[in-house]
N, C-alpha and C. Protein backbone atom coordinates (compact mmCIF):
# COMPACT_ATOMS: atom_id res chain seq x y z
N LEU A 1 0.54 -10.96 -34.27
CA LEU A 1 0.29 -9.86 -35.20
C LEU A 1 -1.17 -9.45 -35.14
N ARG A 2 -2.06 -10.45 -35.08
CA ARG A 2 -3.49 -10.14 -34.97
C ARG A 2 -3.77 -9.33 -33.71
N THR A 3 -3.18 -9.75 -32.60
CA THR A 3 -3.38 -9.05 -31.33
C THR A 3 -2.91 -7.61 -31.43
N HIS A 4 -1.77 -7.41 -32.05
CA HIS A 4 -1.26 -6.05 -32.21
C HIS A 4 -2.21 -5.21 -33.06
N CYS A 5 -2.73 -5.79 -34.12
CA CYS A 5 -3.69 -5.07 -34.97
C CYS A 5 -4.92 -4.68 -34.17
N LEU A 6 -5.42 -5.60 -33.36
CA LEU A 6 -6.60 -5.31 -32.55
C LEU A 6 -6.32 -4.22 -31.53
N GLU A 7 -5.12 -4.26 -30.94
CA GLU A 7 -4.75 -3.23 -29.97
C GLU A 7 -4.65 -1.86 -30.61
N ARG A 8 -4.27 -1.82 -31.88
CA ARG A 8 -4.12 -0.55 -32.59
C ARG A 8 -5.43 -0.04 -33.16
N GLY A 9 -6.53 -0.73 -32.88
CA GLY A 9 -7.82 -0.26 -33.35
C GLY A 9 -8.17 -0.72 -34.76
N CYS A 10 -7.50 -1.74 -35.24
CA CYS A 10 -7.78 -2.26 -36.58
C CYS A 10 -8.67 -3.48 -36.50
N GLY A 11 -9.53 -3.55 -35.50
CA GLY A 11 -10.30 -4.75 -35.24
C GLY A 11 -11.30 -5.11 -36.30
N GLY A 12 -11.81 -4.15 -37.01
CA GLY A 12 -12.83 -4.45 -38.00
C GLY A 12 -12.25 -4.71 -39.37
N ILE A 13 -13.10 -5.21 -40.23
CA ILE A 13 -12.70 -5.49 -41.61
C ILE A 13 -12.22 -4.20 -42.28
N ARG A 14 -12.92 -3.12 -42.05
CA ARG A 14 -12.53 -1.84 -42.66
C ARG A 14 -11.14 -1.42 -42.21
N GLY A 15 -10.87 -1.54 -40.92
CA GLY A 15 -9.56 -1.16 -40.40
C GLY A 15 -8.44 -2.01 -40.98
N LEU A 16 -8.69 -3.30 -41.13
CA LEU A 16 -7.68 -4.16 -41.73
C LEU A 16 -7.48 -3.84 -43.21
N GLY A 17 -8.57 -3.48 -43.88
CA GLY A 17 -8.45 -3.06 -45.28
C GLY A 17 -7.60 -1.81 -45.42
N LEU A 18 -7.81 -0.87 -44.52
CA LEU A 18 -7.00 0.35 -44.54
C LEU A 18 -5.53 0.04 -44.26
N MET A 19 -5.30 -0.88 -43.33
CA MET A 19 -3.93 -1.27 -43.02
C MET A 19 -3.27 -1.91 -44.25
N PHE A 20 -4.01 -2.77 -44.94
CA PHE A 20 -3.47 -3.41 -46.14
C PHE A 20 -3.07 -2.36 -47.17
N ARG A 21 -3.96 -1.40 -47.40
CA ARG A 21 -3.66 -0.35 -48.39
C ARG A 21 -2.46 0.49 -47.96
N HIS A 22 -2.32 0.70 -46.67
CA HIS A 22 -1.17 1.46 -46.17
C HIS A 22 0.14 0.70 -46.42
N LEU A 23 0.10 -0.61 -46.24
CA LEU A 23 1.30 -1.41 -46.44
C LEU A 23 1.65 -1.58 -47.92
N ASP A 24 0.65 -1.58 -48.77
CA ASP A 24 0.85 -1.80 -50.21
C ASP A 24 1.31 -0.51 -50.88
N LYS A 25 2.57 -0.18 -50.69
CA LYS A 25 3.12 1.11 -51.15
C LYS A 25 3.08 1.28 -52.67
N ASP A 26 3.23 0.19 -53.41
CA ASP A 26 3.27 0.31 -54.87
C ASP A 26 1.91 0.06 -55.53
N TYR A 27 0.86 -0.07 -54.72
CA TYR A 27 -0.52 -0.25 -55.20
C TYR A 27 -0.68 -1.46 -56.12
N SER A 28 0.09 -2.51 -55.84
CA SER A 28 0.04 -3.72 -56.66
C SER A 28 -1.03 -4.70 -56.20
N LYS A 29 -1.72 -4.36 -55.12
CA LYS A 29 -2.71 -5.23 -54.49
C LYS A 29 -2.07 -6.48 -53.90
N ARG A 30 -0.78 -6.37 -53.62
CA ARG A 30 0.00 -7.42 -52.97
C ARG A 30 1.02 -6.73 -52.07
N ILE A 31 1.28 -7.30 -50.93
CA ILE A 31 2.30 -6.77 -50.04
C ILE A 31 3.57 -7.59 -50.24
N THR A 32 4.63 -6.92 -50.65
CA THR A 32 5.91 -7.59 -50.84
C THR A 32 6.60 -7.76 -49.49
N LEU A 33 7.65 -8.55 -49.47
CA LEU A 33 8.39 -8.74 -48.23
C LEU A 33 8.95 -7.41 -47.73
N ASP A 34 9.47 -6.58 -48.62
CA ASP A 34 10.00 -5.28 -48.19
C ASP A 34 8.90 -4.39 -47.62
N GLU A 35 7.74 -4.38 -48.25
CA GLU A 35 6.61 -3.59 -47.74
C GLU A 35 6.18 -4.13 -46.38
N PHE A 36 6.18 -5.44 -46.24
CA PHE A 36 5.80 -6.07 -44.98
C PHE A 36 6.78 -5.68 -43.87
N LYS A 37 8.07 -5.73 -44.18
CA LYS A 37 9.09 -5.34 -43.20
C LYS A 37 8.90 -3.88 -42.79
N ASP A 38 8.66 -3.02 -43.77
CA ASP A 38 8.43 -1.60 -43.46
C ASP A 38 7.22 -1.43 -42.56
N GLY A 39 6.17 -2.20 -42.82
CA GLY A 39 4.97 -2.12 -42.00
C GLY A 39 5.22 -2.59 -40.57
N ILE A 40 5.98 -3.65 -40.44
CA ILE A 40 6.33 -4.16 -39.10
C ILE A 40 7.07 -3.07 -38.33
N ASP A 41 8.01 -2.41 -38.99
CA ASP A 41 8.75 -1.31 -38.35
C ASP A 41 7.82 -0.14 -38.02
N PHE A 42 6.97 0.23 -38.98
CA PHE A 42 6.07 1.37 -38.79
C PHE A 42 5.16 1.16 -37.58
N TYR A 43 4.67 -0.06 -37.41
CA TYR A 43 3.77 -0.34 -36.30
C TYR A 43 4.50 -0.65 -35.00
N GLY A 44 5.82 -0.52 -35.02
CA GLY A 44 6.60 -0.61 -33.78
C GLY A 44 6.79 -2.01 -33.24
N LEU A 45 6.64 -3.00 -34.09
CA LEU A 45 6.86 -4.37 -33.64
C LEU A 45 8.35 -4.67 -33.69
N LYS A 46 8.87 -5.16 -32.62
CA LYS A 46 10.29 -5.51 -32.53
C LYS A 46 10.44 -7.00 -32.79
N LEU A 47 10.60 -7.34 -34.06
CA LEU A 47 10.71 -8.75 -34.46
C LEU A 47 12.02 -8.95 -35.21
N SER A 48 12.60 -10.12 -35.03
CA SER A 48 13.85 -10.42 -35.73
C SER A 48 13.58 -10.56 -37.23
N GLU A 49 14.63 -10.37 -38.00
CA GLU A 49 14.53 -10.50 -39.46
C GLU A 49 14.02 -11.89 -39.84
N SER A 50 14.52 -12.91 -39.17
CA SER A 50 14.10 -14.28 -39.51
C SER A 50 12.63 -14.51 -39.14
N TYR A 51 12.19 -13.94 -38.03
CA TYR A 51 10.79 -14.10 -37.63
C TYR A 51 9.86 -13.38 -38.61
N VAL A 52 10.25 -12.19 -39.03
CA VAL A 52 9.44 -11.44 -40.00
C VAL A 52 9.33 -12.23 -41.30
N ARG A 53 10.43 -12.81 -41.73
CA ARG A 53 10.42 -13.61 -42.96
C ARG A 53 9.50 -14.83 -42.81
N LYS A 54 9.57 -15.51 -41.67
CA LYS A 54 8.71 -16.67 -41.43
C LYS A 54 7.24 -16.26 -41.38
N LEU A 55 6.97 -15.15 -40.73
CA LEU A 55 5.60 -14.64 -40.65
C LEU A 55 5.08 -14.31 -42.04
N PHE A 56 5.91 -13.69 -42.85
CA PHE A 56 5.54 -13.37 -44.23
C PHE A 56 5.21 -14.66 -44.99
N GLU A 57 6.03 -15.67 -44.82
CA GLU A 57 5.81 -16.94 -45.52
C GLU A 57 4.50 -17.60 -45.09
N VAL A 58 4.16 -17.47 -43.82
CA VAL A 58 2.89 -18.02 -43.32
C VAL A 58 1.71 -17.29 -43.96
N LEU A 59 1.81 -15.97 -44.07
CA LEU A 59 0.72 -15.18 -44.65
C LEU A 59 0.61 -15.38 -46.16
N ASP A 60 1.73 -15.63 -46.82
CA ASP A 60 1.76 -15.84 -48.28
C ASP A 60 1.39 -17.29 -48.58
N LYS A 61 0.11 -17.59 -48.46
CA LYS A 61 -0.39 -18.96 -48.57
C LYS A 61 -0.06 -19.64 -49.90
N ASP A 62 -0.07 -18.87 -50.99
CA ASP A 62 0.15 -19.48 -52.30
C ASP A 62 1.62 -19.41 -52.74
N ASN A 63 2.49 -18.97 -51.84
CA ASN A 63 3.93 -18.89 -52.11
C ASN A 63 4.25 -18.09 -53.37
N SER A 64 3.50 -17.01 -53.57
CA SER A 64 3.68 -16.19 -54.77
C SER A 64 4.74 -15.10 -54.58
N GLY A 65 5.21 -14.95 -53.35
CA GLY A 65 6.16 -13.88 -53.08
C GLY A 65 5.50 -12.59 -52.66
N GLY A 66 4.19 -12.63 -52.48
CA GLY A 66 3.44 -11.46 -52.03
C GLY A 66 2.19 -11.89 -51.29
N ILE A 67 1.73 -11.05 -50.40
CA ILE A 67 0.52 -11.33 -49.63
C ILE A 67 -0.62 -10.55 -50.28
N ASP A 68 -1.60 -11.27 -50.83
CA ASP A 68 -2.73 -10.56 -51.42
C ASP A 68 -3.77 -10.26 -50.34
N PHE A 69 -4.78 -9.52 -50.70
CA PHE A 69 -5.76 -9.06 -49.72
C PHE A 69 -6.46 -10.23 -49.03
N CYS A 70 -6.83 -11.25 -49.78
CA CYS A 70 -7.53 -12.40 -49.18
C CYS A 70 -6.63 -13.12 -48.18
N GLU A 71 -5.38 -13.32 -48.54
CA GLU A 71 -4.45 -13.97 -47.61
C GLU A 71 -4.31 -13.15 -46.33
N PHE A 72 -4.20 -11.86 -46.49
CA PHE A 72 -4.05 -10.94 -45.37
C PHE A 72 -5.26 -11.02 -44.44
N MET A 73 -6.44 -10.94 -45.04
CA MET A 73 -7.67 -10.92 -44.24
C MET A 73 -7.93 -12.26 -43.56
N LEU A 74 -7.67 -13.36 -44.25
CA LEU A 74 -7.94 -14.67 -43.67
C LEU A 74 -7.15 -14.90 -42.39
N GLU A 75 -5.95 -14.37 -42.33
CA GLU A 75 -5.12 -14.58 -41.15
C GLU A 75 -5.34 -13.54 -40.06
N LEU A 76 -5.70 -12.32 -40.43
CA LEU A 76 -5.72 -11.25 -39.44
C LEU A 76 -7.10 -10.81 -38.97
N ARG A 77 -8.13 -11.19 -39.69
CA ARG A 77 -9.46 -10.74 -39.25
C ARG A 77 -9.78 -11.35 -37.88
N PRO A 78 -10.51 -10.61 -37.08
CA PRO A 78 -10.87 -11.13 -35.76
C PRO A 78 -11.93 -12.22 -35.88
N GLU A 79 -12.01 -13.04 -34.85
CA GLU A 79 -13.04 -14.07 -34.79
C GLU A 79 -14.41 -13.41 -34.67
N LEU A 80 -15.42 -14.10 -35.19
CA LEU A 80 -16.78 -13.60 -35.04
C LEU A 80 -17.23 -13.77 -33.60
N SER A 81 -17.96 -12.79 -33.11
CA SER A 81 -18.51 -12.90 -31.76
C SER A 81 -19.63 -13.94 -31.77
N PRO A 82 -19.94 -14.52 -30.61
CA PRO A 82 -21.04 -15.49 -30.56
C PRO A 82 -22.36 -14.91 -31.07
N LEU A 83 -22.63 -13.66 -30.76
CA LEU A 83 -23.87 -13.04 -31.23
C LEU A 83 -23.88 -12.93 -32.75
N ARG A 84 -22.76 -12.53 -33.34
CA ARG A 84 -22.70 -12.41 -34.79
C ARG A 84 -22.85 -13.78 -35.45
N LYS A 85 -22.22 -14.81 -34.86
CA LYS A 85 -22.37 -16.17 -35.39
C LYS A 85 -23.83 -16.60 -35.34
N GLN A 86 -24.52 -16.27 -34.25
CA GLN A 86 -25.92 -16.63 -34.11
C GLN A 86 -26.77 -15.95 -35.19
N VAL A 87 -26.52 -14.67 -35.43
CA VAL A 87 -27.27 -13.94 -36.45
C VAL A 87 -27.02 -14.55 -37.83
N ILE A 88 -25.78 -14.89 -38.12
CA ILE A 88 -25.45 -15.51 -39.41
C ILE A 88 -26.16 -16.85 -39.55
N ASP A 89 -26.12 -17.66 -38.49
CA ASP A 89 -26.81 -18.96 -38.52
C ASP A 89 -28.31 -18.79 -38.75
N GLU A 90 -28.91 -17.84 -38.07
CA GLU A 90 -30.35 -17.60 -38.23
C GLU A 90 -30.68 -17.16 -39.66
N CYS A 91 -29.86 -16.29 -40.21
CA CYS A 91 -30.09 -15.85 -41.59
C CYS A 91 -29.94 -17.01 -42.56
N PHE A 92 -28.89 -17.79 -42.38
CA PHE A 92 -28.66 -18.93 -43.25
C PHE A 92 -29.83 -19.90 -43.17
N ASN A 93 -30.24 -20.22 -41.95
CA ASN A 93 -31.34 -21.18 -41.77
C ASN A 93 -32.64 -20.68 -42.37
N SER A 94 -32.87 -19.38 -42.31
CA SER A 94 -34.10 -18.85 -42.90
C SER A 94 -34.07 -18.92 -44.42
N LEU A 95 -32.88 -18.86 -45.01
CA LEU A 95 -32.76 -18.97 -46.47
C LEU A 95 -32.74 -20.42 -46.95
N ASP A 96 -32.27 -21.32 -46.11
CA ASP A 96 -32.13 -22.74 -46.48
C ASP A 96 -33.49 -23.42 -46.36
N LYS A 97 -34.31 -23.27 -47.39
CA LYS A 97 -35.71 -23.71 -47.35
C LYS A 97 -35.87 -25.20 -47.07
N ASN A 98 -35.01 -26.04 -47.65
CA ASN A 98 -35.17 -27.48 -47.45
C ASN A 98 -34.28 -28.02 -46.32
N GLN A 99 -33.61 -27.12 -45.62
CA GLN A 99 -32.79 -27.46 -44.45
C GLN A 99 -31.74 -28.53 -44.73
N ASP A 100 -31.12 -28.46 -45.93
CA ASP A 100 -30.06 -29.42 -46.26
C ASP A 100 -28.67 -28.86 -45.98
N GLU A 101 -28.63 -27.68 -45.36
CA GLU A 101 -27.39 -26.99 -45.00
C GLU A 101 -26.56 -26.57 -46.21
N ILE A 102 -27.24 -26.43 -47.34
CA ILE A 102 -26.61 -25.95 -48.57
C ILE A 102 -27.54 -24.91 -49.17
N LEU A 103 -27.01 -23.73 -49.47
CA LEU A 103 -27.82 -22.73 -50.16
C LEU A 103 -27.62 -22.88 -51.65
N ASN A 104 -28.72 -22.97 -52.37
CA ASN A 104 -28.64 -23.01 -53.82
C ASN A 104 -29.69 -22.06 -54.40
N ILE A 105 -29.75 -22.00 -55.68
CA ILE A 105 -30.65 -21.06 -56.35
C ILE A 105 -32.11 -21.31 -56.00
N HIS A 106 -32.47 -22.57 -55.79
CA HIS A 106 -33.87 -22.91 -55.45
C HIS A 106 -34.24 -22.34 -54.07
N ASP A 107 -33.29 -22.39 -53.13
CA ASP A 107 -33.54 -21.81 -51.82
C ASP A 107 -33.76 -20.31 -51.93
N LEU A 108 -32.96 -19.68 -52.74
CA LEU A 108 -33.02 -18.22 -52.84
C LEU A 108 -34.25 -17.74 -53.61
N LYS A 109 -34.74 -18.56 -54.53
CA LYS A 109 -35.95 -18.18 -55.26
C LYS A 109 -37.19 -18.34 -54.41
N GLY A 110 -37.10 -19.14 -53.37
CA GLY A 110 -38.22 -19.30 -52.46
C GLY A 110 -39.07 -20.43 -52.84
């Protein structure tokens, strides 16, 4: 599913957010199984009913019967590139004044 999203140009966080809003037909901030099935059909994925149900269950981490935005993003967002990871590490290290690998209020105050 992630690969298909990336192929469709939904590689960024913004694109995945737009996809989530498109799937969430009732604006409940959760994707129901029916909405998920409709989305699978809309994006042209040929998956069996049982596979779609299993995929939905994997995405619905809290077993609430719906996929919320965080669950959706955690599974579908692309991996960070090595360069982006390096930039994040450098920023974190510059903020972590005592180099204990934990950011707290004292680090941020300087």
